[in-house]
Amino acid sequence: MIVRHILCVVLLATLSAAQQTPPPASGTQAIYAAQAGSAQNKFAYIHENGAKAKPDPTPTTLRENEINAWLSSGQAQLPTGVKKLQFQGEPDVINATALVDFDEITANQKSHNPLLSLFSGTHRIEARAKAQGTAGQGQVHIQSVSLDGVEIPRMALEFFIDRYIKPRHPEIGLDTVFKLPSRIDTAIVGSHQLTVTQK
């Protein structure tokens, strides 16, 4: 589905709102669980609708709080090294915040390249990406990535992706184009929501 695909693209290319933590109050946690359940139901519907010979073209809208609750619920299969992930949407833009353990991603492979020395230990990563889906094709363009509040040079990101990400995921880069799953024709990132249409 589009959310999981964008999740992987943004973070594996990373390295994709302030970070949110499920509130401790039991009443609030019930609301949080309901939001995660709502997201899961919508994902299931998108999958089932896409399996039909003629999918229902009525748009499905996932709200930002539903997606973030689902990501924190333990139901999401996050990429290796990613401990937490939250999204914030604005028109055609995804802002992602994550806690990333780079030693897990690199499997402790050491490099003598000084540009790669940044990528060790666990850090708070913030990524901003242009994202859209049209005519059954998704496009993600990573505009910037910061590590603990400091922007990472694009050249360093490219080195990191080439060495540690592309060997396992050759389709992923700072600019990624991919086929949308489940007969999704359009995926529109809006203000605090994602709307998908299938056909």
Protein backbone atom coordinates (compact mmCIF):
# COMPACT_ATOMS: atom_id res chain seq x y z
CA MET A 1 0.00 0.00 0.00
CA ILE A 2 1.07 3.57 -0.61
CA VAL A 3 1.73 4.48 3.04
CA ARG A 4 4.03 1.51 3.60
CA HIS A 5 5.77 2.10 0.31
CA ILE A 6 6.38 5.78 1.07
CA LEU A 7 7.47 4.79 4.58
CA CYS A 8 10.15 2.48 3.15
CA VAL A 9 11.24 4.92 0.47
CA VAL A 10 11.54 7.90 2.79
CA LEU A 11 13.31 6.02 5.55
CA LEU A 12 15.53 3.68 3.59
CA ALA A 13 16.59 6.64 1.52
CA THR A 14 17.15 8.56 4.71
CA LEU A 15 17.24 7.80 6.75
CA SER A 16 12.31 8.59 6.41
CA ALA A 17 4.98 16.93 13.33
CA ALA A 18 7.02 16.48 16.08
CA GLN A 19 7.53 12.93 17.12
CA GLN A 20 4.53 11.62 18.99
CA THR A 21 4.36 9.03 21.73
CA PRO A 22 1.17 7.20 22.68
CA PRO A 23 -0.29 9.01 25.72
CA PRO A 24 -0.27 7.11 29.00
CA ALA A 25 -3.86 7.85 30.05
CA SER A 26 -6.08 4.82 29.56
CA GLY A 27 -8.98 6.82 28.06
CA THR A 28 -6.67 8.52 25.61
CA GLN A 29 -4.99 5.22 24.76
CA ALA A 30 -8.39 3.82 23.84
CA ILE A 31 -8.83 6.68 21.36
CA TYR A 32 -5.31 6.07 20.07
CA ALA A 33 -6.06 2.35 19.60
CA ALA A 34 -9.29 3.24 17.77
CA GLN A 35 -7.33 5.49 15.40
CA ALA A 36 -4.80 2.71 14.69
CA GLY A 37 -7.67 0.28 14.11
CA SER A 38 -9.33 2.71 11.72
CA ALA A 39 -6.11 2.98 9.69
CA GLN A 40 -5.75 -0.81 9.60
CA ASN A 41 -9.34 -1.17 8.38
CA LYS A 42 -8.74 1.35 5.61
CA PHE A 43 -5.54 -0.44 4.54
CA ALA A 44 -7.50 -3.72 4.41
CA TYR A 45 -10.24 -2.06 2.36
CA ILE A 46 -7.70 -0.63 -0.12
CA HIS A 47 -6.16 -4.10 -0.53
CA GLU A 48 -9.55 -5.81 -0.96
CA ASN A 49 -10.88 -3.11 -3.30
CA GLY A 50 -7.74 -3.39 -5.43
CA ALA A 51 -8.30 -7.13 -5.84
CA LYS A 52 -11.68 -6.55 -7.52
CA ALA A 53 -12.05 -6.71 -11.30
CA LYS A 54 -13.47 -3.18 -11.12
CA PRO A 55 -12.49 -1.35 -7.92
CA ASP A 56 -14.81 1.21 -6.37
CA PRO A 57 -13.33 4.61 -7.41
CA THR A 58 -14.63 6.40 -4.30
CA PRO A 59 -11.56 8.05 -2.66
CA THR A 60 -10.26 6.66 0.64
CA THR A 61 -8.79 9.24 3.02
CA LEU A 62 -6.37 8.34 5.78
CA ARG A 63 -5.94 11.02 8.42
CA GLU A 64 -2.50 11.81 9.78
CA ASN A 65 -3.46 10.87 13.35
CA GLU A 66 -4.70 7.47 12.14
CA ILE A 67 -1.45 6.77 10.27
CA ASN A 68 0.73 7.86 13.20
CA ALA A 69 -1.32 5.83 15.69
CA TRP A 70 -0.96 2.78 13.42
CA LEU A 71 2.80 3.32 13.10
CA SER A 72 3.13 3.39 16.89
CA SER A 73 0.80 0.46 17.50
CA GLY A 74 3.29 -2.29 16.66
CA GLN A 75 1.33 -3.35 13.55
CA ALA A 76 3.72 -1.61 11.15
CA GLN A 77 6.77 -3.53 9.94
CA LEU A 78 9.37 -0.80 10.07
CA PRO A 79 12.63 -1.10 8.12
CA THR A 80 15.73 -2.41 9.90
CA GLY A 81 17.15 0.17 12.29
CA VAL A 82 14.02 2.32 12.51
CA LYS A 83 12.68 2.47 16.05
CA LYS A 84 10.02 5.15 15.76
CA LEU A 85 8.35 6.87 12.84
CA GLN A 86 5.81 9.64 12.51
CA PHE A 87 4.51 11.51 9.48
CA GLN A 88 3.21 15.02 9.03
CA GLY A 89 1.52 15.87 5.74
CA GLU A 90 1.12 19.12 3.88
CA PRO A 91 0.08 19.54 0.24
CA ASP A 92 2.34 17.27 -1.87
CA VAL A 93 4.91 17.04 0.96
CA ILE A 94 5.65 14.44 3.62
CA ASN A 95 7.67 15.35 6.70
CA ALA A 96 8.94 12.24 8.49
CA THR A 97 10.58 12.01 11.89
CA ALA A 98 12.25 8.82 13.07
CA LEU A 99 14.69 7.42 15.60
CA VAL A 100 17.22 5.48 13.54
CA ASP A 101 19.94 3.05 14.65
CA PHE A 102 22.49 3.32 11.86
CA ASP A 103 24.61 0.51 13.27
CA GLU A 104 21.72 -1.88 12.56
CA ILE A 105 21.38 -0.57 9.02
CA THR A 106 25.10 -0.82 8.27
CA ALA A 107 25.51 -4.06 10.24
CA ASN A 108 28.53 -2.34 11.82
CA GLN A 109 30.37 -2.25 8.49
CA LYS A 110 33.10 0.33 8.89
CA SER A 111 34.04 2.78 6.17
CA HIS A 112 37.10 4.99 5.83
CA ASN A 113 35.08 7.53 3.84
CA PRO A 114 34.67 10.61 6.08
CA LEU A 115 31.29 11.34 4.48
CA LEU A 116 29.98 8.09 5.97
CA SER A 117 31.29 8.71 9.48
CA LEU A 118 28.05 10.57 10.27
CA PHE A 119 26.05 7.36 10.00
CA SER A 120 26.77 5.54 13.24
CA GLY A 121 24.88 5.17 16.50
CA THR A 122 21.26 6.12 17.10
CA HIS A 123 19.97 9.52 16.03
CA ARG A 124 16.80 11.51 15.48
CA ILE A 125 16.28 11.85 11.74
CA GLU A 126 13.97 14.32 10.05
CA ALA A 127 13.25 14.04 6.33
CA ARG A 128 11.22 16.23 4.01
CA ALA A 129 10.06 14.76 0.71
CA LYS A 130 7.85 15.76 -2.19
CA ALA A 131 5.47 12.86 -2.78
CA GLN A 132 2.61 12.16 -5.15
CA GLY A 133 0.92 9.39 -7.04
CA THR A 134 -0.61 9.84 -10.48
CA ALA A 135 -1.66 7.44 -13.23
CA GLY A 136 -0.73 4.45 -11.07
CA GLN A 137 2.81 5.67 -10.47
CA GLY A 138 4.28 6.96 -7.20
CA GLN A 139 7.06 9.53 -7.07
CA VAL A 140 9.10 10.52 -4.03
CA HIS A 141 11.78 13.21 -4.13
CA ILE A 142 13.73 13.68 -0.90
CA GLN A 143 14.41 17.38 -0.45
CA SER A 144 16.33 17.36 2.81
CA VAL A 145 17.40 15.12 5.68
CA SER A 146 18.71 16.27 9.04
CA LEU A 147 20.46 14.31 11.78
CA ASP A 148 19.88 15.61 15.31
CA GLY A 149 18.86 18.96 13.81
CA VAL A 150 21.82 19.32 11.44
CA GLU A 151 21.15 18.99 7.71
CA ILE A 152 23.09 16.16 6.04
CA PRO A 153 24.90 17.10 2.81
CA ARG A 154 23.23 15.53 -0.22
CA MET A 155 26.53 13.99 -1.31
CA ALA A 156 26.83 12.17 2.03
CA LEU A 157 23.27 10.84 1.65
CA GLU A 158 24.06 9.56 -1.84
CA PHE A 159 27.20 7.79 -0.58
CA PHE A 160 25.22 6.19 2.25
CA ILE A 161 22.44 4.99 -0.04
CA ASP A 162 24.87 3.63 -2.63
CA ARG A 163 26.87 1.69 -0.05
CA TYR A 164 24.24 0.41 2.40
CA ILE A 165 20.79 0.67 0.80
CA LYS A 166 21.07 -0.03 -2.93
CA PRO A 167 22.76 -3.45 -2.54
CA ARG A 168 19.52 -4.69 -0.90
CA HIS A 169 17.05 -2.25 -2.50
CA PRO A 170 18.43 -1.16 -5.90
CA GLU A 171 15.17 0.63 -6.75
CA ILE A 172 15.55 3.15 -3.92
CA GLY A 173 17.31 6.50 -4.13
CA LEU A 174 16.82 10.16 -3.31
CA ASP A 175 14.48 10.29 -6.30
CA THR A 176 12.29 7.20 -6.57
CA VAL A 177 9.54 6.22 -8.97
CA PHE A 178 7.48 3.08 -8.37
CA LYS A 179 4.25 1.37 -9.40
CA LEU A 180 1.44 1.97 -6.93
CA PRO A 181 -0.01 -1.23 -5.44
CA SER A 182 -3.64 -2.37 -5.15
CA ARG A 183 -4.84 -0.66 -8.35
CA ILE A 184 -4.22 2.77 -6.79
CA ASP A 185 -4.46 5.39 -9.52
CA THR A 186 -3.80 8.55 -7.51
CA ALA A 187 -2.33 9.22 -4.06
CA ILE A 188 -2.60 12.80 -2.92
CA VAL A 189 -0.77 14.08 0.14
CA GLY A 190 -2.79 16.91 1.66
CA SER A 191 -2.83 18.86 4.87
CA HIS A 192 -2.61 16.16 7.57
CA GLN A 193 -4.09 13.47 5.33
CA LEU A 194 -3.49 11.09 2.43
CA THR A 195 -6.22 10.40 -0.13
CA VAL A 196 -6.03 7.46 -2.54
CA THR A 197 -8.26 6.65 -5.49
CA GLN A 198 -8.39 3.26 -7.14
CA LYS A 199 -9.54 2.19 -10.59
